[in-house]
Amino acid sequence: MVAAGSSTTTRPDSPSGRRSRRARRTSRRRLPKPKWKRPDWQGLRTRWSRGVDLVHGALATWPVAEGVLGSFLLALGSLTPAFLPRASQGGDLFRWTGVGTVLMLIGTSLILHGWFRLRPGRHATTPDGRRPRYLPVLALWVAPLLTAPPMFSGDAYSYAAQGSLMNHGLDPYQLGPAAIPGPWADQVDPMWLTTPAPYGPLSVALQYLTVAVIGDNVYVAAWAMRVWAMIGVGLLAYCIPRIANRLGLDPARAMWIGVLNPIVLLHFVGGAHNDALMMGFVALGLLLAVRRQLFWAAIAIGLATAMKQPAALAALPVAVLALRPIGDEPGPARGWPEPRQLVAFAWTIGLTVATFILVSTSTGTGFGWLRAVNVPGVARTLSPTTMLGGGLELLFGFLDLDRAAELALGTVRSIGLAIAGAIIVWLALRVGSRKPMTFLVAGLFAFVLGGPSMHAWYLLWPGVLVGLLPYSEKVWRVAIWLTTFWVCYAVADAAFRNQAPLVAWLAIAVSAWLLLSDERQRLADRVRTRVPEPEAVEH
């Protein structure tokens, strides 16, 4: 018996005492330090050798070499007044404007023709009888363009000017580049000199970071904007084939139609547009979603939205794919959202908005972009609503209906946005829960067509994702036709700016001939194989 209030003690020589001493000694022992693992140099050399072999094999394929030559000629032809900084125009080096424009036409034609011949199902093979891998092909075609000035658009100079505004302590959401007269404003299109930045907070922050690092050199700063675009293209090249594989689709087809596309080369790489990084984040979000990592997928969509706001449409397919990571079924499939899909969507929207707010507050830019949402509509582009409204404006002006002419453009644009919004809502309610990728592609396409402004790189929002839909020959033909048209338009526009109208008409003729040749080849492939080429993927 132990007296009340007394404490029990363990004798040192008892078994329990020995165990307690061993436990204390063990707890005082230091954990063994992890052994440093030497790099697997042999594995790295093997992978490097394999990559070099893939590049060499691709270069030995004529369509690939054709595209490399085209990229080189395009980069050389870009040294013309259409793309160079205004301060450098008129120098002795650039008296050959007409020659440079012709080189640009030849280069883009070679890229377009090589792209046609590399289409999945065509018979372009390496010397060892294999099909060239599209990733090394993309790297080979991109490399020459990295040395060229920003092409087919002056947006990179606007990015640099907006970054310089922040570098001078000014708010790009309140002031335009005209607030800093000099070389920075000189390179900006006069249309955008007094307009604030219409981009998201992450985009403006990256512009500021670029200028802060580069310093007081407008040309190098504009060229360096391509770094962010290349990160976007790299994300697309990494994510799109892997998403296709997860959805039961052909990764090669998705890569060919969406990433190796000539419009990606001309505008995402050549033009250095921030849309590239926006769509790169969207692709990353979709890849994380099909891997059932909804939290990180929603954050990726939030970053994409912080680049440009249309990326918010990807929140719905991210939520649906995280629950059911399979591809869209061919044919019509409609249905109302399920309760668990609504919960996942609410969770995704919440994380996306939280990420957007966090980026806005941490970068110090706030929500000034709300005041600039109408800025893209300042330009008269090939947007259907702008062309229709402009046509009515001319008609009413001819009929001396001044008030109607004044209201025509704005009214038509508002109606177009309302129709696009109604289409997106209907797609979200009736299609998104069953065919999330169809919703995203169709929704982005409706937004672009119904918006007040449309550029070739806007069509890449849905365009880079077309390969993630079930194969449809009609959809692919429309994508190929649009690609050919916008390649032709880019060259023709540059030719007119270089005062070479003959080259512009020649570009139209060459593009039409290349498209007709591809159509003839497609029909010949169908006759030879007796089935549509390429075959639809069943899943």
Protein backbone atom coordinates (compact mmCIF):
# COMPACT_ATOMS: atom_id res chain seq x y z
CA MET A 1 0.00 0.00 0.00
CA VAL A 2 1.12 3.50 -0.83
CA ALA A 3 0.19 6.22 1.57
CA ALA A 4 -2.26 8.85 0.34
CA GLY A 5 -0.56 11.95 -1.00
CA SER A 6 2.75 10.15 -1.57
CA SER A 7 4.32 9.87 -5.03
CA THR A 8 5.54 6.69 -6.63
CA THR A 9 9.14 6.39 -7.84
CA THR A 10 10.73 3.99 -10.27
CA ARG A 11 13.89 2.26 -9.13
CA PRO A 12 16.81 2.78 -11.55
CA ASP A 13 17.61 -0.92 -11.64
CA SER A 14 14.02 -1.98 -12.33
CA PRO A 15 13.02 -3.07 -15.87
CA SER A 16 10.76 -0.04 -16.27
CA GLY A 17 13.58 2.27 -15.20
CA ARG A 18 15.95 0.74 -17.73
CA ARG A 19 13.33 1.19 -20.45
CA SER A 20 12.80 4.87 -19.53
CA ARG A 21 16.55 5.53 -19.66
CA ARG A 22 16.81 3.92 -23.09
CA ALA A 23 13.82 5.99 -24.27
CA ARG A 24 15.46 9.22 -23.06
CA ARG A 25 18.76 8.33 -24.74
CA THR A 26 16.93 7.52 -27.97
CA SER A 27 14.97 10.78 -27.89
CA ARG A 28 18.22 12.73 -27.45
CA ARG A 29 19.81 11.11 -30.45
CA ARG A 30 19.99 13.27 -33.53
CA LEU A 31 18.25 12.07 -36.61
CA PRO A 32 20.70 10.96 -39.28
CA LYS A 33 21.44 13.65 -41.82
CA PRO A 34 20.04 12.91 -45.26
CA LYS A 35 22.73 11.79 -47.60
CA TRP A 36 23.45 14.15 -50.48
CA LYS A 37 22.38 12.51 -53.69
CA ARG A 38 24.66 13.10 -56.59
CA PRO A 39 23.04 14.36 -59.80
CA ASP A 40 22.33 11.66 -62.32
CA TRP A 41 24.68 13.05 -64.93
CA GLN A 42 24.38 9.96 -67.08
CA GLY A 43 20.59 10.27 -67.12
CA LEU A 44 20.85 13.97 -67.97
CA ARG A 45 23.27 13.20 -70.80
CA THR A 46 20.94 10.50 -72.07
CA ARG A 47 17.95 12.85 -72.09
CA TRP A 48 20.00 15.59 -73.73
CA SER A 49 21.20 13.17 -76.40
CA ARG A 50 17.64 12.00 -77.00
CA GLY A 51 16.48 15.61 -77.36
CA VAL A 52 19.30 16.39 -79.81
CA ASP A 53 18.35 13.31 -81.85
CA LEU A 54 14.72 14.47 -81.96
CA VAL A 55 15.78 17.92 -83.17
CA HIS A 56 18.10 16.47 -85.82
CA GLY A 57 15.42 14.06 -86.99
CA ALA A 58 12.87 16.88 -87.20
CA LEU A 59 15.27 19.10 -89.15
CA ALA A 60 15.80 16.30 -91.65
CA THR A 61 12.05 16.41 -92.43
CA TRP A 62 11.38 18.84 -95.26
CA PRO A 63 8.17 20.44 -93.86
CA VAL A 64 10.01 21.16 -90.61
CA ALA A 65 13.02 22.60 -92.40
CA GLU A 66 10.60 24.60 -94.55
CA GLY A 67 9.12 26.18 -91.41
CA VAL A 68 12.57 26.93 -89.95
CA LEU A 69 13.56 28.70 -93.17
CA GLY A 70 10.26 30.56 -93.11
CA SER A 71 10.80 31.72 -89.52
CA PHE A 72 14.30 32.93 -90.39
CA LEU A 73 13.04 34.87 -93.44
CA LEU A 74 10.18 36.31 -91.39
CA ALA A 75 12.60 37.51 -88.71
CA LEU A 76 14.83 39.05 -91.39
CA GLY A 77 11.88 40.65 -93.17
CA SER A 78 10.64 42.18 -89.92
CA LEU A 79 13.47 44.72 -90.04
CA THR A 80 11.21 47.19 -91.82
CA PRO A 81 9.44 50.41 -90.74
CA ALA A 82 6.24 48.44 -90.09
CA PHE A 83 7.79 46.91 -86.95
CA LEU A 84 10.93 48.82 -86.00
CA PRO A 85 10.89 51.66 -83.44
CA ARG A 86 10.02 54.95 -85.06
CA ALA A 87 13.29 56.57 -84.02
CA SER A 88 15.24 54.10 -86.17
CA GLN A 89 13.25 54.51 -89.37
CA GLY A 90 14.87 56.17 -92.31
CA GLY A 91 18.33 54.71 -91.70
CA ASP A 92 20.48 53.38 -94.54
CA LEU A 93 19.91 49.80 -93.45
CA PHE A 94 16.20 49.96 -94.18
CA ARG A 95 16.05 51.31 -97.71
CA TRP A 96 15.10 47.81 -98.87
CA THR A 97 11.56 48.03 -97.44
CA GLY A 98 10.03 46.28 -100.45
CA VAL A 99 12.55 43.43 -100.25
CA GLY A 100 11.94 43.01 -96.54
CA THR A 101 8.19 42.83 -97.11
CA VAL A 102 8.64 40.17 -99.78
CA LEU A 103 10.84 38.15 -97.40
CA MET A 104 8.09 38.43 -94.81
CA LEU A 105 5.56 37.07 -97.32
CA ILE A 106 7.82 34.18 -98.32
CA GLY A 107 8.53 33.36 -94.68
CA THR A 108 4.90 33.23 -93.58
CA SER A 109 3.97 31.21 -96.69
CA LEU A 110 6.65 28.63 -95.90
CA ILE A 111 5.47 28.37 -92.28
CA LEU A 112 1.86 27.94 -93.38
CA HIS A 113 2.75 25.34 -96.00
CA GLY A 114 4.97 23.41 -93.57
CA TRP A 115 2.17 23.44 -91.02
CA PHE A 116 -0.27 22.00 -93.57
CA ARG A 117 2.14 19.19 -94.44
CA LEU A 118 2.74 18.31 -90.77
CA ARG A 119 -0.95 17.77 -90.12
CA PRO A 120 -1.62 14.47 -88.31
CA GLY A 121 -2.30 11.79 -90.89
CA ARG A 122 -0.05 13.30 -93.54
CA HIS A 123 3.06 11.42 -94.61
CA ALA A 124 5.84 13.67 -93.29
CA THR A 125 8.42 11.39 -91.63
CA THR A 126 11.95 11.61 -90.29
CA PRO A 127 14.78 9.62 -91.94
CA ASP A 128 14.14 6.72 -89.52
CA GLY A 129 10.51 6.50 -90.66
CA ARG A 130 8.93 8.15 -87.63
CA ARG A 131 6.67 11.15 -87.44
CA PRO A 132 8.47 14.28 -86.15
CA ARG A 133 7.61 15.24 -82.60
CA TYR A 134 5.77 18.55 -82.48
CA LEU A 135 7.57 19.95 -79.42
CA PRO A 136 11.03 20.10 -81.06
CA VAL A 137 9.33 21.39 -84.22
CA LEU A 138 7.81 24.23 -82.20
CA ALA A 139 11.19 25.04 -80.64
CA LEU A 140 12.86 25.11 -84.05
CA TRP A 141 10.20 27.38 -85.54
CA VAL A 142 10.16 29.73 -82.56
CA ALA A 143 13.93 30.20 -82.20
CA PRO A 144 14.52 32.57 -85.17
CA LEU A 145 11.55 34.74 -84.18
CA LEU A 146 13.03 35.46 -80.76
CA THR A 147 15.63 37.71 -82.37
CA ALA A 148 13.07 39.82 -84.24
CA PRO A 149 11.43 43.04 -83.02
CA PRO A 150 7.80 42.83 -81.88
CA MET A 151 5.80 42.03 -85.01
CA PHE A 152 2.31 42.56 -86.45
CA SER A 153 1.27 44.79 -83.53
CA GLY A 154 2.60 47.66 -81.48
CA ASP A 155 1.12 46.35 -78.23
CA ALA A 156 4.53 45.42 -76.82
CA TYR A 157 5.53 49.11 -76.98
CA SER A 158 2.30 49.99 -75.17
CA TYR A 159 3.17 47.43 -72.49
CA ALA A 160 6.60 49.03 -72.11
CA ALA A 161 5.11 52.53 -71.86
CA GLN A 162 2.62 51.39 -69.20
CA GLY A 163 5.45 49.79 -67.25
CA SER A 164 7.39 53.03 -67.53
CA LEU A 165 4.41 54.94 -66.13
CA MET A 166 4.52 52.79 -62.98
CA ASN A 167 8.29 53.14 -62.88
CA HIS A 168 7.78 56.92 -62.73
CA GLY A 169 5.28 56.57 -59.89
CA LEU A 170 2.21 57.16 -62.10
CA ASP A 171 -0.97 55.10 -62.26
CA PRO A 172 -1.43 53.41 -65.69
CA TYR A 173 -5.11 52.92 -64.85
CA GLN A 174 -5.59 56.70 -64.76
CA LEU A 175 -3.10 58.02 -67.32
CA GLY A 176 -2.02 57.06 -70.82
CA PRO A 177 1.53 56.91 -72.23
CA ALA A 178 1.24 60.56 -73.29
CA ALA A 179 1.90 61.44 -69.64
CA ILE A 180 5.60 60.58 -70.18
CA PRO A 181 6.49 62.30 -73.48
CA GLY A 182 9.65 61.11 -75.14
CA PRO A 183 10.85 57.79 -76.57
CA TRP A 184 8.40 55.73 -74.52
CA ALA A 185 5.34 57.54 -75.86
CA ASP A 186 6.79 57.94 -79.36
CA GLN A 187 6.54 54.21 -80.04
CA VAL A 188 2.90 53.89 -78.98
CA ASP A 189 0.13 54.00 -81.56
CA PRO A 190 -1.47 57.49 -81.39
CA MET A 191 -4.82 55.80 -80.77
CA TRP A 192 -3.62 54.55 -77.36
CA LEU A 193 -1.58 57.55 -76.21
CA THR A 194 -4.25 58.98 -73.92
CA THR A 195 -6.05 55.77 -72.93
CA PRO A 196 -5.39 53.98 -69.62
CA ALA A 197 -4.25 50.36 -69.46
CA PRO A 198 -7.16 47.92 -69.99
CA TYR A 199 -5.25 44.90 -68.65
CA GLY A 200 -5.47 43.03 -65.38
CA PRO A 201 -3.29 43.80 -62.35
CA LEU A 202 -0.85 40.93 -62.91
CA SER A 203 -0.24 42.02 -66.49
CA VAL A 204 0.50 45.61 -65.46
CA ALA A 205 2.74 44.41 -62.63
CA LEU A 206 4.79 42.28 -65.04
CA GLN A 207 5.11 45.26 -67.37
CA TYR A 208 6.46 47.35 -64.49
CA LEU A 209 8.86 44.58 -63.45
CA THR A 210 10.21 44.30 -66.99
CA VAL A 211 10.88 48.03 -67.29
CA ALA A 212 12.39 48.18 -63.81
CA VAL A 213 14.86 45.43 -64.73
CA ILE A 214 15.67 46.57 -68.27
CA GLY A 215 16.01 50.27 -67.53
CA ASP A 216 15.64 53.24 -69.84
CA ASN A 217 15.62 51.44 -73.21
CA VAL A 218 12.22 51.29 -74.82
CA TYR A 219 13.20 48.87 -77.59
CA VAL A 220 14.80 46.31 -75.27
CA ALA A 221 11.91 46.65 -72.81
CA ALA A 222 9.37 46.01 -75.58
CA TRP A 223 11.41 43.05 -76.84
CA ALA A 224 11.67 41.67 -73.28
CA MET A 225 7.86 41.52 -73.03
CA ARG A 226 8.29 38.41 -75.17
CA VAL A 227 9.69 36.61 -72.10
CA TRP A 228 6.23 36.50 -70.50
CA ALA A 229 4.64 35.48 -73.80
CA MET A 230 7.14 32.63 -74.15
CA ILE A 231 6.32 31.43 -70.64
CA GLY A 232 2.70 31.29 -71.79
CA VAL A 233 3.59 29.39 -74.96
CA GLY A 234 5.72 27.01 -72.91
CA LEU A 235 2.78 26.33 -70.58
CA LEU A 236 0.55 25.66 -73.58
CA ALA A 237 3.09 23.27 -75.12
CA TYR A 238 3.42 21.42 -71.81
CA CYS A 239 -0.24 21.32 -70.76
CA ILE A 240 -2.30 20.90 -73.95
CA PRO A 241 -0.98 17.43 -74.96
CA ARG A 242 -1.26 16.18 -71.37
CA ILE A 243 -4.83 17.44 -71.04
CA ALA A 244 -5.71 15.74 -74.32
CA ASN A 245 -4.20 12.48 -73.10
CA ARG A 246 -6.20 12.66 -69.86
CA LEU A 247 -9.40 13.33 -71.82
CA GLY A 248 -8.84 10.37 -74.13
CA LEU A 249 -7.91 12.50 -77.14
CA ASP A 250 -4.90 12.47 -79.46
CA PRO A 251 -2.17 14.73 -77.98
CA ALA A 252 -0.54 15.20 -81.40
CA ARG A 253 -3.72 16.60 -82.93
CA ALA A 254 -4.27 18.93 -79.99
CA MET A 255 -0.67 20.16 -80.26
CA TRP A 256 -0.84 20.67 -84.04
CA ILE A 257 -4.08 22.63 -84.22
CA GLY A 258 -3.64 24.61 -81.01
CA VAL A 259 0.04 25.24 -80.26
CA LEU A 260 2.00 24.72 -83.49
CA ASN A 261 -0.54 26.97 -85.21
CA PRO A 262 1.04 29.76 -87.33
CA ILE A 263 -1.09 32.37 -85.55
CA VAL A 264 0.58 31.38 -82.28
CA LEU A 265 3.97 31.96 -83.92
CA LEU A 266 3.01 35.28 -85.48
CA HIS A 267 1.13 36.86 -82.58
CA PHE A 268 1.92 35.07 -79.32
CA VAL A 269 5.65 34.75 -80.11
CA GLY A 270 6.13 37.49 -82.70
CA GLY A 271 3.71 40.00 -81.20
CA ALA A 272 4.60 39.22 -77.55
CA HIS A 273 0.96 39.57 -76.48
CA ASN A 274 0.02 39.07 -72.85
CA ASP A 275 -2.85 36.86 -74.06
CA ALA A 276 -0.25 34.08 -74.36
CA LEU A 277 0.40 34.02 -70.61
CA MET A 278 -3.33 34.30 -69.90
CA MET A 279 -4.06 31.19 -71.97
CA GLY A 280 -0.99 29.46 -70.52
CA PHE A 281 -2.46 29.86 -67.03
CA VAL A 282 -5.85 28.65 -68.31
CA ALA A 283 -4.22 25.51 -69.74
CA LEU A 284 -2.38 24.98 -66.44
CA GLY A 285 -5.67 25.26 -64.57
CA LEU A 286 -7.32 22.72 -66.85
CA LEU A 287 -4.42 20.29 -66.44
CA LEU A 288 -4.58 20.57 -62.66
CA ALA A 289 -8.35 20.08 -62.83
CA VAL A 290 -8.14 16.82 -64.79
CA ARG A 291 -5.63 15.70 -62.15
CA ARG A 292 -8.29 16.48 -59.52
CA GLN A 293 -6.29 19.29 -57.91
CA LEU A 294 -9.14 21.79 -57.74
CA PHE A 295 -7.50 24.15 -55.24
CA TRP A 296 -4.44 24.81 -57.37
CA ALA A 297 -6.49 24.79 -60.56
CA ALA A 298 -8.68 27.61 -59.23
CA ILE A 299 -5.60 29.61 -58.27
CA ALA A 300 -4.23 29.19 -61.81
CA ILE A 301 -7.52 30.52 -63.23
CA GLY A 302 -7.29 33.43 -60.80
CA LEU A 303 -3.83 34.27 -62.15
CA ALA A 304 -5.14 34.00 -65.71
CA THR A 305 -8.00 36.37 -64.84
CA ALA A 306 -5.48 38.77 -63.32
CA MET A 307 -3.84 38.89 -66.75
CA LYS A 308 -7.09 39.40 -68.70
CA GLN A 309 -10.61 39.10 -67.37
CA PRO A 310 -12.15 36.77 -70.06
CA ALA A 311 -10.15 33.89 -68.52
CA ALA A 312 -12.76 33.78 -65.73
CA LEU A 313 -14.93 31.68 -68.08
CA ALA A 314 -12.58 28.76 -67.41
CA ALA A 315 -13.78 28.50 -63.80
CA LEU A 316 -16.80 26.41 -64.80
CA PRO A 317 -14.97 23.71 -66.82
CA VAL A 318 -12.29 23.54 -64.13
CA ALA A 319 -14.94 22.74 -61.51
CA VAL A 320 -16.67 20.15 -63.73
CA LEU A 321 -13.45 18.44 -64.85
CA ALA A 322 -12.14 18.19 -61.30
CA LEU A 323 -15.18 16.06 -60.46
CA ARG A 324 -15.32 14.11 -63.72
CA PRO A 325 -12.06 14.31 -65.68
CA ILE A 326 -13.22 12.83 -68.99
CA GLY A 327 -13.59 14.36 -72.43
CA ASP A 328 -16.73 15.78 -73.97
CA GLU A 329 -18.99 13.25 -75.63
CA PRO A 330 -19.52 13.65 -79.39
CA GLY A 331 -22.96 14.83 -80.42
CA PRO A 332 -25.56 16.83 -78.47
CA ALA A 333 -25.51 16.50 -74.70
CA ARG A 334 -27.47 18.89 -72.53
CA GLY A 335 -28.43 18.90 -68.90
CA TRP A 336 -28.78 21.09 -65.85
CA PRO A 337 -25.85 21.32 -63.43
CA GLU A 338 -25.77 18.79 -60.61
CA PRO A 339 -25.70 19.98 -56.96
CA ARG A 340 -22.12 18.81 -56.43
CA GLN A 341 -21.07 20.66 -59.59
CA LEU A 342 -22.65 23.84 -58.26
CA VAL A 343 -20.74 23.42 -54.99
CA ALA A 344 -17.46 22.85 -56.84
CA PHE A 345 -18.17 25.85 -59.07
CA ALA A 346 -18.87 28.09 -56.07
CA TRP A 347 -15.61 26.91 -54.46
CA THR A 348 -13.71 27.57 -57.69
CA ILE A 349 -15.20 31.03 -58.14
CA GLY A 350 -14.39 31.89 -54.55
CA LEU A 351 -10.74 30.88 -54.92
CA THR A 352 -10.47 32.61 -58.29
CA VAL A 353 -11.83 35.87 -56.92
CA ALA A 354 -9.65 35.60 -53.82
CA THR A 355 -6.56 35.09 -55.98
CA PHE A 356 -7.52 38.05 -58.16
CA ILE A 357 -8.01 40.29 -55.11
CA LEU A 358 -4.74 39.12 -53.58
CA VAL A 359 -2.84 39.93 -56.79
CA SER A 360 -4.55 43.33 -57.05
CA THR A 361 -3.69 44.32 -53.49
CA SER A 362 -0.17 42.87 -53.41
CA THR A 363 0.86 44.59 -56.65
CA GLY A 364 -0.59 47.92 -55.55
CA THR A 365 -2.57 48.41 -58.76
CA GLY A 366 -6.00 47.98 -57.18
CA PHE A 367 -9.14 47.78 -59.30
CA GLY A 368 -8.44 50.68 -61.64
CA TRP A 369 -8.94 48.37 -64.61
CA LEU A 370 -12.69 48.75 -64.02
CA ARG A 371 -12.44 52.28 -65.39
CA ALA A 372 -10.77 51.04 -68.57
CA VAL A 373 -12.94 48.10 -69.64
CA ASN A 374 -14.17 50.07 -72.67
CA VAL A 375 -10.68 50.99 -73.92
CA PRO A 376 -10.38 48.12 -76.48
CA GLY A 377 -13.48 49.45 -78.23
CA VAL A 378 -11.65 52.63 -79.17
CA ALA A 379 -10.11 50.85 -82.18
CA ARG A 380 -12.09 50.08 -85.32
CA THR A 381 -11.25 46.44 -85.99
CA LEU A 382 -12.77 43.55 -87.95
CA SER A 383 -15.18 42.77 -85.12
CA PRO A 384 -18.59 41.84 -86.61
CA THR A 385 -20.41 44.33 -84.38
CA THR A 386 -17.95 47.10 -85.25
CA MET A 387 -18.23 46.45 -88.99
CA LEU A 388 -22.03 46.33 -88.84
CA GLY A 389 -22.25 49.42 -86.65
CA GLY A 390 -19.75 51.27 -88.82
CA GLY A 391 -21.74 50.36 -91.94
CA LEU A 392 -24.97 51.68 -90.38
CA GLU A 393 -23.10 54.79 -89.29
CA LEU A 394 -22.07 55.48 -92.88
CA LEU A 395 -25.56 54.74 -94.17
CA PHE A 396 -27.30 57.04 -91.69
CA GLY A 397 -24.72 59.73 -92.36
CA PHE A 398 -25.39 59.48 -96.09
CA LEU A 399 -29.13 59.87 -95.34
CA ASP A 400 -28.39 62.93 -93.14
CA LEU A 401 -29.68 61.11 -90.05
CA ASP A 402 -26.99 62.56 -87.82
CA ARG A 403 -28.44 61.43 -84.50
CA ALA A 404 -28.93 57.87 -85.73
CA ALA A 405 -25.42 57.82 -87.16
CA GLU A 406 -24.03 58.97 -83.81
CA LEU A 407 -25.80 56.16 -81.93
CA ALA A 408 -25.40 53.35 -84.48
CA LEU A 409 -21.97 52.00 -83.49
CA GLY A 410 -22.51 52.05 -79.74
CA THR A 411 -25.97 50.52 -80.01
CA VAL A 412 -24.85 47.65 -82.24
CA ARG A 413 -21.90 46.93 -79.96
CA SER A 414 -24.15 46.85 -76.90
CA ILE A 415 -26.55 44.47 -78.63
CA GLY A 416 -23.62 42.25 -79.64
CA LEU A 417 -22.35 42.06 -76.07
CA ALA A 418 -25.85 41.28 -74.79
CA ILE A 419 -26.25 38.46 -77.30
CA ALA A 420 -22.80 37.07 -76.44
CA GLY A 421 -23.66 37.21 -72.74
CA ALA A 422 -26.96 35.39 -73.30
CA ILE A 423 -25.19 32.67 -75.30
CA ILE A 424 -22.59 32.20 -72.56
CA VAL A 425 -25.26 31.94 -69.86
CA TRP A 426 -27.23 29.39 -71.90
CA LEU A 427 -24.09 27.35 -72.55
CA ALA A 428 -23.23 27.42 -68.85
CA LEU A 429 -26.67 26.21 -67.78
CA ARG A 430 -27.34 23.62 -70.46
CA VAL A 431 -23.97 22.50 -71.88
CA GLY A 432 -21.25 23.22 -69.32
CA SER A 433 -22.13 20.40 -66.93
CA ARG A 434 -21.95 17.73 -69.66
CA LYS A 435 -19.44 19.17 -72.13
CA PRO A 436 -17.19 21.57 -70.21
CA MET A 437 -14.60 22.03 -72.97
CA THR A 438 -17.32 22.73 -75.53
CA PHE A 439 -18.68 25.39 -73.18
CA LEU A 440 -15.26 27.02 -72.80
CA VAL A 441 -14.38 27.05 -76.50
CA ALA A 442 -17.83 28.15 -77.64
CA GLY A 443 -18.14 30.70 -74.83
CA LEU A 444 -14.80 32.34 -75.61
CA PHE A 445 -15.62 32.35 -79.31
CA ALA A 446 -19.01 34.01 -78.63
CA PHE A 447 -17.30 36.60 -76.42
CA VAL A 448 -14.79 37.45 -79.15
CA LEU A 449 -17.40 37.64 -81.92
CA GLY A 450 -19.81 39.72 -79.84
CA GLY A 451 -17.19 42.03 -78.39
CA PRO A 452 -16.42 45.53 -79.66
CA SER A 453 -12.89 44.60 -80.74
CA MET A 454 -11.44 41.53 -82.42
CA HIS A 455 -7.85 40.73 -83.29
CA ALA A 456 -6.21 37.55 -84.51
CA TRP A 457 -4.72 36.85 -81.08
CA TYR A 458 -8.20 37.15 -79.52
CA LEU A 459 -9.28 34.18 -81.63
CA LEU A 460 -6.45 32.21 -80.07
CA TRP A 461 -8.38 32.25 -76.77
CA PRO A 462 -10.66 29.49 -78.03
CA GLY A 463 -8.27 28.46 -80.81
CA VAL A 464 -5.55 26.93 -78.63
CA LEU A 465 -8.22 24.72 -77.01
CA VAL A 466 -9.88 23.38 -80.18
CA GLY A 467 -7.79 20.21 -80.04
CA LEU A 468 -9.36 19.39 -76.67
CA LEU A 469 -12.78 18.90 -78.30
CA PRO A 470 -13.96 15.65 -79.89
CA TYR A 471 -12.69 15.65 -83.46
CA SER A 472 -15.05 17.32 -85.93
CA GLU A 473 -13.98 17.79 -89.52
CA LYS A 474 -16.16 20.88 -89.85
CA VAL A 475 -14.64 22.52 -86.77
CA TRP A 476 -11.12 21.74 -87.96
CA ARG A 477 -11.80 23.13 -91.42
CA VAL A 478 -13.13 26.38 -89.93
CA ALA A 479 -10.03 26.61 -87.70
CA ILE A 480 -7.72 26.05 -90.68
CA TRP A 481 -9.57 28.61 -92.81
CA LEU A 482 -9.43 31.20 -90.04
CA THR A 483 -5.74 30.51 -89.54
CA THR A 484 -5.06 31.07 -93.24
CA PHE A 485 -7.14 34.25 -93.31
CA TRP A 486 -5.40 35.83 -90.32
CA VAL A 487 -1.93 34.91 -91.61
CA CYS A 488 -2.87 36.60 -94.88
CA TYR A 489 -4.32 39.61 -93.07
CA ALA A 490 -1.18 40.05 -90.93
CA VAL A 491 1.12 40.09 -93.97
CA ALA A 492 -1.18 42.31 -96.03
CA ASP A 493 -1.52 44.83 -93.20
CA ALA A 494 2.27 44.98 -92.76
CA ALA A 495 2.70 45.38 -96.52
CA PHE A 496 0.35 48.37 -96.62
CA ARG A 497 2.20 49.94 -93.69
CA ASN A 498 5.45 49.44 -95.59
CA GLN A 499 3.84 51.10 -98.63
CA ALA A 500 4.05 47.88 -100.65
CA PRO A 501 0.43 47.30 -101.77
CA LEU A 502 1.47 44.87 -104.51
CA VAL A 503 2.89 42.53 -101.88
CA ALA A 504 -0.41 42.74 -99.99
CA TRP A 505 -2.38 41.54 -103.04
CA LEU A 506 0.24 38.89 -103.65
CA ALA A 507 -0.22 37.68 -100.06
CA ILE A 508 -3.94 37.21 -100.69
CA ALA A 509 -3.25 35.19 -103.84
CA VAL A 510 -0.59 33.00 -102.20
CA SER A 511 -2.75 32.31 -99.13
CA ALA A 512 -5.71 31.33 -101.30
CA TRP A 513 -3.50 29.01 -103.36
CA LEU A 514 -2.06 27.34 -100.22
CA LEU A 515 -5.52 26.83 -98.75
CA LEU A 516 -6.90 25.34 -101.97
CA SER A 517 -3.87 23.05 -102.23
CA ASP A 518 -4.49 21.82 -98.68
CA GLU A 519 -8.17 21.20 -99.49
CA ARG A 520 -7.18 19.16 -102.56
CA GLN A 521 -4.73 17.14 -100.46
CA ARG A 522 -7.40 16.52 -97.84
CA LEU A 523 -9.83 15.23 -100.47
CA ALA A 524 -7.10 13.04 -101.96
CA ASP A 525 -6.37 11.57 -98.52
CA ARG A 526 -10.05 10.77 -98.05
CA VAL A 527 -10.27 9.04 -101.43
CA ARG A 528 -7.13 7.03 -100.72
CA THR A 529 -8.12 5.90 -97.24
CA ARG A 530 -11.91 5.79 -97.80
CA VAL A 531 -12.41 7.30 -94.32
CA PRO A 532 -12.38 10.89 -93.03
CA GLU A 533 -8.85 12.05 -92.33
CA PRO A 534 -7.98 12.22 -89.54
CA GLU A 535 -10.35 9.73 -87.93
CA ALA A 536 -12.54 10.79 -85.08
CA VAL A 537 -11.32 9.61 -81.71
CA GLU A 538 -13.92 7.50 -79.93
CA HIS A 539 -14.06 7.72 -76.18
